[in-house]
């Protein structure tokens, strides 16, 4: 995710996190800019954190797009950490 429509690189100042889906594409987790736990090389403080989720139920009529969608985003403290 980026706050710039033109600059989508991970090393950019505009980069704010990642979105990952489950196999079916009905659940999406939103992560901050930390690194993947499998690639972090022991630096536990640099591991990415889950900062939100999007869940939706498929449309029963087969048309594209969700029928019901739930978005979960936590409240944040003034220092930017989730409560």
PDB file of N, CA and C in Angstrom:
ATOM      1  N   UNK A   1       0.845  -1.161   0.000  1.00  0.00           N
ATOM      2  CA  UNK A   1       0.000   0.000   0.000  1.00  0.00           C
ATOM      3  C   UNK A   1       0.892   1.226   0.000  1.00  0.00           C
ATOM      4  N   UNK A   2       0.424   2.231  -0.667  1.00  0.00           N
ATOM      5  CA  UNK A   2       1.176   3.463  -0.775  1.00  0.00           C
ATOM      6  C   UNK A   2       0.222   4.646  -0.728  1.00  0.00           C
ATOM      7  N   UNK A   3       0.712   5.770  -0.243  1.00  0.00           N
ATOM      8  CA  UNK A   3      -0.107   6.979  -0.268  1.00  0.00           C
ATOM      9  C   UNK A   3       0.126   7.762  -1.553  1.00  0.00           C
ATOM     10  N   UNK A   4       0.959   7.217  -2.426  1.00  0.00           N
ATOM     11  CA  UNK A   4       1.222   7.844  -3.721  1.00  0.00           C
ATOM     12  C   UNK A   4       0.749   6.915  -4.830  1.00  0.00           C
ATOM     13  N   UNK A   5       0.020   7.427  -5.794  1.00  0.00           N
ATOM     14  CA  UNK A   5      -0.422   6.576  -6.899  1.00  0.00           C
ATOM     15  C   UNK A   5       0.702   6.302  -7.887  1.00  0.00           C
ATOM     16  N   UNK A   6       1.786   7.069  -7.832  1.00  0.00           N
ATOM     17  CA  UNK A   6       2.890   6.898  -8.780  1.00  0.00           C
ATOM     18  C   UNK A   6       4.094   6.159  -8.210  1.00  0.00           C
ATOM     19  N   UNK A   7       4.272   6.167  -6.899  1.00  0.00           N
ATOM     20  CA  UNK A   7       5.446   5.556  -6.275  1.00  0.00           C
ATOM     21  C   UNK A   7       5.003   4.412  -5.382  1.00  0.00           C
ATOM     22  N   UNK A   8       5.127   3.182  -5.866  1.00  0.00           N
ATOM     23  CA  UNK A   8       4.645   2.008  -5.148  1.00  0.00           C
ATOM     24  C   UNK A   8       5.758   1.126  -4.592  1.00  0.00           C
ATOM     25  N   UNK A   9       7.004   1.592  -4.599  1.00  0.00           N
ATOM     26  CA  UNK A   9       8.118   0.767  -4.142  1.00  0.00           C
ATOM     27  C   UNK A   9       8.150   0.675  -2.619  1.00  0.00           C
ATOM     28  N   UNK A  10       8.658  -0.447  -2.106  1.00  0.00           N
ATOM     29  CA  UNK A  10       8.749  -0.672  -0.664  1.00  0.00           C
ATOM     30  C   UNK A  10       9.694   0.312   0.020  1.00  0.00           C
ATOM     31  N   UNK A  11      10.699   0.779  -0.686  1.00  0.00           N
ATOM     32  CA  UNK A  11      11.702   1.664  -0.082  1.00  0.00           C
ATOM     33  C   UNK A  11      11.289   3.133  -0.126  1.00  0.00           C
ATOM     34  N   UNK A  12      10.129   3.420  -0.661  1.00  0.00           N
ATOM     35  CA  UNK A  12       9.634   4.783  -0.803  1.00  0.00           C
ATOM     36  C   UNK A  12       9.123   5.338   0.528  1.00  0.00           C
ATOM     37  N   UNK A  13       9.161   6.643   0.689  1.00  0.00           N
ATOM     38  CA  UNK A  13       8.565   7.311   1.851  1.00  0.00           C
ATOM     39  C   UNK A  13       7.042   7.159   1.828  1.00  0.00           C
ATOM     40  N   UNK A  14       6.477   6.879   0.664  1.00  0.00           N
ATOM     41  CA  UNK A  14       5.031   6.748   0.507  1.00  0.00           C
ATOM     42  C   UNK A  14       4.512   5.374   0.915  1.00  0.00           C
ATOM     43  N   UNK A  15       5.398   4.394   1.066  1.00  0.00           N
ATOM     44  CA  UNK A  15       5.014   3.025   1.410  1.00  0.00           C
ATOM     45  C   UNK A  15       4.482   2.982   2.834  1.00  0.00           C
ATOM     46  N   UNK A  16       3.265   2.431   3.029  1.00  0.00           N
ATOM     47  CA  UNK A  16       2.692   2.359   4.377  1.00  0.00           C
ATOM     48  C   UNK A  16       2.386   0.937   4.840  1.00  0.00           C
ATOM     49  N   UNK A  17       2.510  -0.061   3.978  1.00  0.00           N
ATOM     50  CA  UNK A  17       2.275  -1.425   4.415  1.00  0.00           C
ATOM     51  C   UNK A  17       1.907  -2.369   3.290  1.00  0.00           C
ATOM     52  N   UNK A  18       1.527  -3.599   3.689  1.00  0.00           N
ATOM     53  CA  UNK A  18       1.179  -4.661   2.741  1.00  0.00           C
ATOM     54  C   UNK A  18      -0.201  -5.204   3.019  1.00  0.00           C
ATOM     55  N   UNK A  19      -0.806  -5.746   1.981  1.00  0.00           N
ATOM     56  CA  UNK A  19      -2.085  -6.445   2.118  1.00  0.00           C
ATOM     57  C   UNK A  19      -1.870  -7.857   1.586  1.00  0.00           C
ATOM     58  N   UNK A  20      -2.244  -8.856   2.370  1.00  0.00           N
ATOM     59  CA  UNK A  20      -2.113 -10.260   1.974  1.00  0.00           C
ATOM     60  C   UNK A  20      -3.478 -10.935   2.053  1.00  0.00           C
ATOM     61  N   UNK A  21      -3.777 -11.794   1.072  1.00  0.00           N
ATOM     62  CA  UNK A  21      -5.077 -12.480   1.073  1.00  0.00           C
ATOM     63  C   UNK A  21      -4.924 -13.949   1.421  1.00  0.00           C
ATOM     64  N   UNK A  22      -6.035 -14.552   1.816  1.00  0.00           N
ATOM     65  CA  UNK A  22      -6.055 -15.992   2.007  1.00  0.00           C
ATOM     66  C   UNK A  22      -6.195 -16.656   0.632  1.00  0.00           C
ATOM     67  N   UNK A  23      -6.216 -17.978   0.597  1.00  0.00           N
ATOM     68  CA  UNK A  23      -6.271 -18.729  -0.664  1.00  0.00           C
ATOM     69  C   UNK A  23      -7.515 -18.399  -1.485  1.00  0.00           C
ATOM     70  N   UNK A  24      -8.649 -18.217  -0.819  1.00  0.00           N
ATOM     71  CA  UNK A  24      -9.911 -17.958  -1.521  1.00  0.00           C
ATOM     72  C   UNK A  24     -10.093 -16.489  -1.902  1.00  0.00           C
ATOM     73  N   UNK A  25      -9.277 -15.613  -1.339  1.00  0.00           N
ATOM     74  CA  UNK A  25      -9.417 -14.196  -1.629  1.00  0.00           C
ATOM     75  C   UNK A  25     -10.608 -13.557  -0.939  1.00  0.00           C
ATOM     76  N   UNK A  26     -11.015 -14.139   0.200  1.00  0.00           N
ATOM     77  CA  UNK A  26     -12.143 -13.583   0.942  1.00  0.00           C
ATOM     78  C   UNK A  26     -11.702 -12.954   2.255  1.00  0.00           C
ATOM     79  N   UNK A  27     -10.428 -13.098   2.617  1.00  0.00           N
ATOM     80  CA  UNK A  27      -9.870 -12.531   3.829  1.00  0.00           C
ATOM     81  C   UNK A  27      -8.574 -11.832   3.478  1.00  0.00           C
ATOM     82  N   UNK A  28      -8.424 -10.609   3.921  1.00  0.00           N
ATOM     83  CA  UNK A  28      -7.214  -9.845   3.653  1.00  0.00           C
ATOM     84  C   UNK A  28      -6.687  -9.294   4.960  1.00  0.00           C
ATOM     85  N   UNK A  29      -5.390  -9.474   5.225  1.00  0.00           N
ATOM     86  CA  UNK A  29      -4.763  -8.909   6.402  1.00  0.00           C
ATOM     87  C   UNK A  29      -3.902  -7.732   5.973  1.00  0.00           C
ATOM     88  N   UNK A  30      -3.918  -6.675   6.767  1.00  0.00           N
ATOM     89  CA  UNK A  30      -3.154  -5.462   6.480  1.00  0.00           C
ATOM     90  C   UNK A  30      -2.004  -5.398   7.472  1.00  0.00           C
ATOM     91  N   UNK A  31      -0.783  -5.260   6.944  1.00  0.00           N
ATOM     92  CA  UNK A  31       0.423  -5.212   7.770  1.00  0.00           C
ATOM     93  C   UNK A  31       1.103  -3.861   7.646  1.00  0.00           C
ATOM     94  N   UNK A  32       1.870  -3.499   8.689  1.00  0.00           N
ATOM     95  CA  UNK A  32       2.650  -2.269   8.639  1.00  0.00           C
ATOM     96  C   UNK A  32       3.914  -2.478   7.806  1.00  0.00           C
ATOM     97  N   UNK A  33       4.874  -1.584   7.896  1.00  0.00           N
ATOM     98  CA  UNK A  33       6.065  -1.634   7.050  1.00  0.00           C
ATOM     99  C   UNK A  33       7.172  -2.553   7.559  1.00  0.00           C
ATOM    100  N   UNK A  34       6.944  -3.299   8.635  1.00  0.00           N
ATOM    101  CA  UNK A  34       7.958  -4.215   9.155  1.00  0.00           C
ATOM    102  C   UNK A  34       8.262  -5.340   8.167  1.00  0.00           C
ATOM    103  N   UNK A  35       9.272  -6.149   8.497  1.00  0.00           N
ATOM    104  CA  UNK A  35       9.679  -7.223   7.571  1.00  0.00           C
ATOM    105  C   UNK A  35       8.949  -8.533   7.871  1.00  0.00           C
ATOM    106  N   UNK A  36       8.945  -9.407   6.881  1.00  0.00           N
ATOM    107  CA  UNK A  36       8.358 -10.739   6.979  1.00  0.00           C
ATOM    108  C   UNK A  36       9.094 -11.513   8.073  1.00  0.00           C
ATOM    109  N   UNK A  37       8.376 -12.166   9.002  1.00  0.00           N
ATOM    110  CA  UNK A  37       9.041 -12.905  10.076  1.00  0.00           C
ATOM    111  C   UNK A  37       9.998 -13.989   9.573  1.00  0.00           C
ATOM    112  N   UNK A  38       9.733 -14.552   8.403  1.00  0.00           N
ATOM    113  CA  UNK A  38      10.605 -15.590   7.855  1.00  0.00           C
ATOM    114  C   UNK A  38      11.903 -15.010   7.300  1.00  0.00           C
ATOM    115  N   UNK A  39      11.926 -13.698   7.034  1.00  0.00           N
ATOM    116  CA  UNK A  39      13.088 -13.072   6.412  1.00  0.00           C
ATOM    117  C   UNK A  39      13.767 -12.044   7.321  1.00  0.00           C
ATOM    118  N   UNK A  40      13.363 -11.942   8.563  1.00  0.00           N
ATOM    119  CA  UNK A  40      13.835 -10.880   9.449  1.00  0.00           C
ATOM    120  C   UNK A  40      15.198 -11.148  10.086  1.00  0.00           C
ATOM    121  N   UNK A  41      15.715 -12.327  10.004  1.00  0.00           N
ATOM    122  CA  UNK A  41      17.035 -12.692  10.519  1.00  0.00           C
ATOM    123  C   UNK A  41      17.225 -12.373  11.993  1.00  0.00           C
ATOM    124  N   UNK A  42      16.252 -12.772  12.813  1.00  0.00           N
ATOM    125  CA  UNK A  42      16.396 -12.676  14.260  1.00  0.00           C
ATOM    126  C   UNK A  42      16.089 -11.333  14.881  1.00  0.00           C
ATOM    127  N   UNK A  43      15.842 -10.302  14.118  1.00  0.00           N
ATOM    128  CA  UNK A  43      15.525  -8.993  14.686  1.00  0.00           C
ATOM    129  C   UNK A  43      14.022  -8.925  14.955  1.00  0.00           C
ATOM    130  N   UNK A  44      13.623  -9.347  16.156  1.00  0.00           N
ATOM    131  CA  UNK A  44      12.191  -9.442  16.483  1.00  0.00           C
ATOM    132  C   UNK A  44      11.509  -8.077  16.492  1.00  0.00           C
ATOM    133  N   UNK A  45      12.238  -6.998  16.740  1.00  0.00           N
ATOM    134  CA  UNK A  45      11.641  -5.659  16.761  1.00  0.00           C
ATOM    135  C   UNK A  45      11.296  -5.152  15.368  1.00  0.00           C
ATOM    136  N   UNK A  46      11.860  -5.758  14.325  1.00  0.00           N
ATOM    137  CA  UNK A  46      11.615  -5.309  12.958  1.00  0.00           C
ATOM    138  C   UNK A  46      10.496  -6.096  12.268  1.00  0.00           C
ATOM    139  N   UNK A  47       9.924  -7.098  12.945  1.00  0.00           N
ATOM    140  CA  UNK A  47       8.885  -7.937  12.351  1.00  0.00           C
ATOM    141  C   UNK A  47       7.607  -7.116  12.144  1.00  0.00           C
ATOM    142  N   UNK A  48       6.964  -7.315  10.994  1.00  0.00           N
ATOM    143  CA  UNK A  48       5.738  -6.580  10.693  1.00  0.00           C
ATOM    144  C   UNK A  48       4.614  -6.945  11.656  1.00  0.00           C
ATOM    145  N   UNK A  49       3.715  -6.006  11.837  1.00  0.00           N
ATOM    146  CA  UNK A  49       2.557  -6.200  12.712  1.00  0.00           C
ATOM    147  C   UNK A  49       1.283  -6.136  11.893  1.00  0.00           C
ATOM    148  N   UNK A  50       0.298  -6.902  12.319  1.00  0.00           N
ATOM    149  CA  UNK A  50      -1.014  -6.856  11.667  1.00  0.00           C
ATOM    150  C   UNK A  50      -1.740  -5.625  12.184  1.00  0.00           C
ATOM    151  N   UNK A  51      -2.177  -4.760  11.281  1.00  0.00           N
ATOM    152  CA  UNK A  51      -2.838  -3.522  11.701  1.00  0.00           C
ATOM    153  C   UNK A  51      -4.285  -3.420  11.217  1.00  0.00           C
ATOM    154  N   UNK A  52      -4.788  -4.458  10.574  1.00  0.00           N
ATOM    155  CA  UNK A  52      -6.171  -4.428  10.129  1.00  0.00           C
ATOM    156  C   UNK A  52      -6.525  -5.674   9.351  1.00  0.00           C
ATOM    157  N   UNK A  53      -7.815  -5.805   9.051  1.00  0.00           N
ATOM    158  CA  UNK A  53      -8.293  -6.953   8.282  1.00  0.00           C
ATOM    159  C   UNK A  53      -9.540  -6.562   7.501  1.00  0.00           C
ATOM    160  N   UNK A  54      -9.735  -7.233   6.368  1.00  0.00           N
ATOM    161  CA  UNK A  54     -10.937  -7.053   5.555  1.00  0.00           C
ATOM    162  C   UNK A  54     -11.484  -8.449   5.274  1.00  0.00           C
ATOM    163  N   UNK A  55     -12.740  -8.672   5.607  1.00  0.00           N
ATOM    164  CA  UNK A  55     -13.393  -9.966   5.373  1.00  0.00           C
ATOM    165  C   UNK A  55     -14.630  -9.714   4.530  1.00  0.00           C
ATOM    166  N   UNK A  56     -14.866 -10.577   3.564  1.00  0.00           N
ATOM    167  CA  UNK A  56     -16.126 -10.440   2.837  1.00  0.00           C
ATOM    168  C   UNK A  56     -16.681 -11.791   2.431  1.00  0.00           C
ATOM    169  N   UNK A  57     -18.002 -11.799   2.290  1.00  0.00           N
ATOM    170  CA  UNK A  57     -18.716 -12.985   1.840  1.00  0.00           C
ATOM    171  C   UNK A  57     -18.956 -12.841   0.346  1.00  0.00           C
ATOM    172  N   UNK A  58     -18.764 -13.906  -0.384  1.00  0.00           N
ATOM    173  CA  UNK A  58     -18.987 -13.873  -1.824  1.00  0.00           C
ATOM    174  C   UNK A  58     -20.454 -13.642  -2.144  1.00  0.00           C
ATOM    175  N   UNK A  59     -20.700 -13.066  -3.287  1.00  0.00           N
ATOM    176  CA  UNK A  59     -22.053 -12.824  -3.759  1.00  0.00           C
ATOM    177  C   UNK A  59     -22.659 -14.147  -4.210  1.00  0.00           C
ATOM    178  N   UNK A  60     -23.809 -14.478  -3.699  1.00  0.00           N
ATOM    179  CA  UNK A  60     -24.447 -15.763  -4.016  1.00  0.00           C
ATOM    180  C   UNK A  60     -24.905 -15.859  -5.471  1.00  0.00           C
ATOM    181  N   UNK A  61     -25.132 -14.747  -6.128  1.00  0.00           N
ATOM    182  CA  UNK A  61     -25.612 -14.762  -7.507  1.00  0.00           C
ATOM    183  C   UNK A  61     -24.476 -14.894  -8.522  1.00  0.00           C
ATOM    184  N   UNK A  62     -23.248 -14.922  -8.042  1.00  0.00           N
ATOM    185  CA  UNK A  62     -22.124 -15.142  -8.941  1.00  0.00           C
ATOM    186  C   UNK A  62     -21.547 -13.896  -9.571  1.00  0.00           C
ATOM    187  N   UNK A  63     -22.154 -12.739  -9.344  1.00  0.00           N
ATOM    188  CA  UNK A  63     -21.575 -11.532  -9.917  1.00  0.00           C
ATOM    189  C   UNK A  63     -20.330 -11.146  -9.140  1.00  0.00           C
ATOM    190  N   UNK A  64     -19.466 -10.388  -9.771  1.00  0.00           N
ATOM    191  CA  UNK A  64     -18.209 -10.025  -9.130  1.00  0.00           C
ATOM    192  C   UNK A  64     -18.437  -9.024  -8.004  1.00  0.00           C
ATOM    193  N   UNK A  65     -17.558  -9.069  -7.037  1.00  0.00           N
ATOM    194  CA  UNK A  65     -17.630  -8.139  -5.920  1.00  0.00           C
ATOM    195  C   UNK A  65     -18.248  -8.775  -4.698  1.00  0.00           C
ATOM    196  N   UNK A  66     -17.995  -8.185  -3.545  1.00  0.00           N
ATOM    197  CA  UNK A  66     -18.502  -8.754  -2.294  1.00  0.00           C
ATOM    198  C   UNK A  66     -19.976  -8.443  -2.071  1.00  0.00           C
ATOM    199  N   UNK A  67     -20.591  -9.299  -1.272  1.00  0.00           N
ATOM    200  CA  UNK A  67     -21.976  -9.069  -0.866  1.00  0.00           C
ATOM    201  C   UNK A  67     -21.995  -8.353   0.475  1.00  0.00           C
ATOM    202  N   UNK A  68     -21.223  -8.849   1.436  1.00  0.00           N
ATOM    203  CA  UNK A  68     -21.081  -8.212   2.743  1.00  0.00           C
ATOM    204  C   UNK A  68     -19.599  -8.057   3.023  1.00  0.00           C
ATOM    205  N   UNK A  69     -19.219  -6.907   3.507  1.00  0.00           N
ATOM    206  CA  UNK A  69     -17.809  -6.659   3.789  1.00  0.00           C
ATOM    207  C   UNK A  69     -17.669  -6.119   5.217  1.00  0.00           C
ATOM    208  N   UNK A  70     -16.651  -6.613   5.920  1.00  0.00           N
ATOM    209  CA  UNK A  70     -16.320  -6.126   7.260  1.00  0.00           C
ATOM    210  C   UNK A  70     -14.870  -5.663   7.230  1.00  0.00           C
ATOM    211  N   UNK A  71     -14.618  -4.468   7.742  1.00  0.00           N
ATOM    212  CA  UNK A  71     -13.266  -3.921   7.800  1.00  0.00           C
ATOM    213  C   UNK A  71     -12.933  -3.682   9.272  1.00  0.00           C
ATOM    214  N   UNK A  72     -11.779  -4.199   9.698  1.00  0.00           N
ATOM    215  CA  UNK A  72     -11.335  -4.068  11.078  1.00  0.00           C
ATOM    216  C   UNK A  72     -10.029  -3.285  11.106  1.00  0.00           C
ATOM    217  N   UNK A  73     -10.071  -2.125  11.758  1.00  0.00           N
ATOM    218  CA  UNK A  73      -8.870  -1.307  11.927  1.00  0.00           C
ATOM    219  C   UNK A  73      -8.870  -0.854  13.383  1.00  0.00           C
ATOM    220  N   UNK A  74      -7.773  -1.109  14.118  1.00  0.00           N
ATOM    221  CA  UNK A  74      -7.741  -0.757  15.541  1.00  0.00           C
ATOM    222  C   UNK A  74      -7.590   0.750  15.751  1.00  0.00           C
ATOM    223  N   UNK A  75      -7.909   1.179  16.968  1.00  0.00           N
ATOM    224  CA  UNK A  75      -7.591   2.553  17.367  1.00  0.00           C
ATOM    225  C   UNK A  75      -6.095   2.642  17.590  1.00  0.00           C
ATOM    226  N   UNK A  76      -5.527   3.798  17.362  1.00  0.00           N
ATOM    227  CA  UNK A  76      -4.090   3.987  17.529  1.00  0.00           C
ATOM    228  C   UNK A  76      -3.802   5.007  18.625  1.00  0.00           C
ATOM    229  N   UNK A  77      -2.704   4.799  19.330  1.00  0.00           N
ATOM    230  CA  UNK A  77      -2.233   5.734  20.333  1.00  0.00           C
ATOM    231  C   UNK A  77      -1.588   6.925  19.627  1.00  0.00           C
ATOM    232  N   UNK A  78      -1.372   8.055  20.316  1.00  0.00           N
ATOM    233  CA  UNK A  78      -0.745   9.220  19.674  1.00  0.00           C
ATOM    234  C   UNK A  78       0.636   8.942  19.080  1.00  0.00           C
ATOM    235  N   UNK A  79       1.359   7.928  19.603  1.00  0.00           N
ATOM    236  CA  UNK A  79       2.684   7.597  19.068  1.00  0.00           C
ATOM    237  C   UNK A  79       2.620   6.681  17.843  1.00  0.00           C
ATOM    238  N   UNK A  80       1.393   6.335  17.402  1.00  0.00           N
ATOM    239  CA  UNK A  80       1.248   5.525  16.204  1.00  0.00           C
ATOM    240  C   UNK A  80       1.100   4.045  16.434  1.00  0.00           C
ATOM    241  N   UNK A  81       1.169   3.579  17.687  1.00  0.00           N
ATOM    242  CA  UNK A  81       1.029   2.154  17.975  1.00  0.00           C
ATOM    243  C   UNK A  81      -0.443   1.810  18.175  1.00  0.00           C
ATOM    244  N   UNK A  82      -0.863   0.614  17.730  1.00  0.00           N
ATOM    245  CA  UNK A  82      -2.261   0.215  17.940  1.00  0.00           C
ATOM    246  C   UNK A  82      -2.545  -0.034  19.415  1.00  0.00           C
ATOM    247  N   UNK A  83      -3.777   0.263  19.857  1.00  0.00           N
ATOM    248  CA  UNK A  83      -4.169  -0.003  21.254  1.00  0.00           C
ATOM    249  C   UNK A  83      -4.334  -1.484  21.469  1.00  0.00           C
TER     250      UNK A  83
END
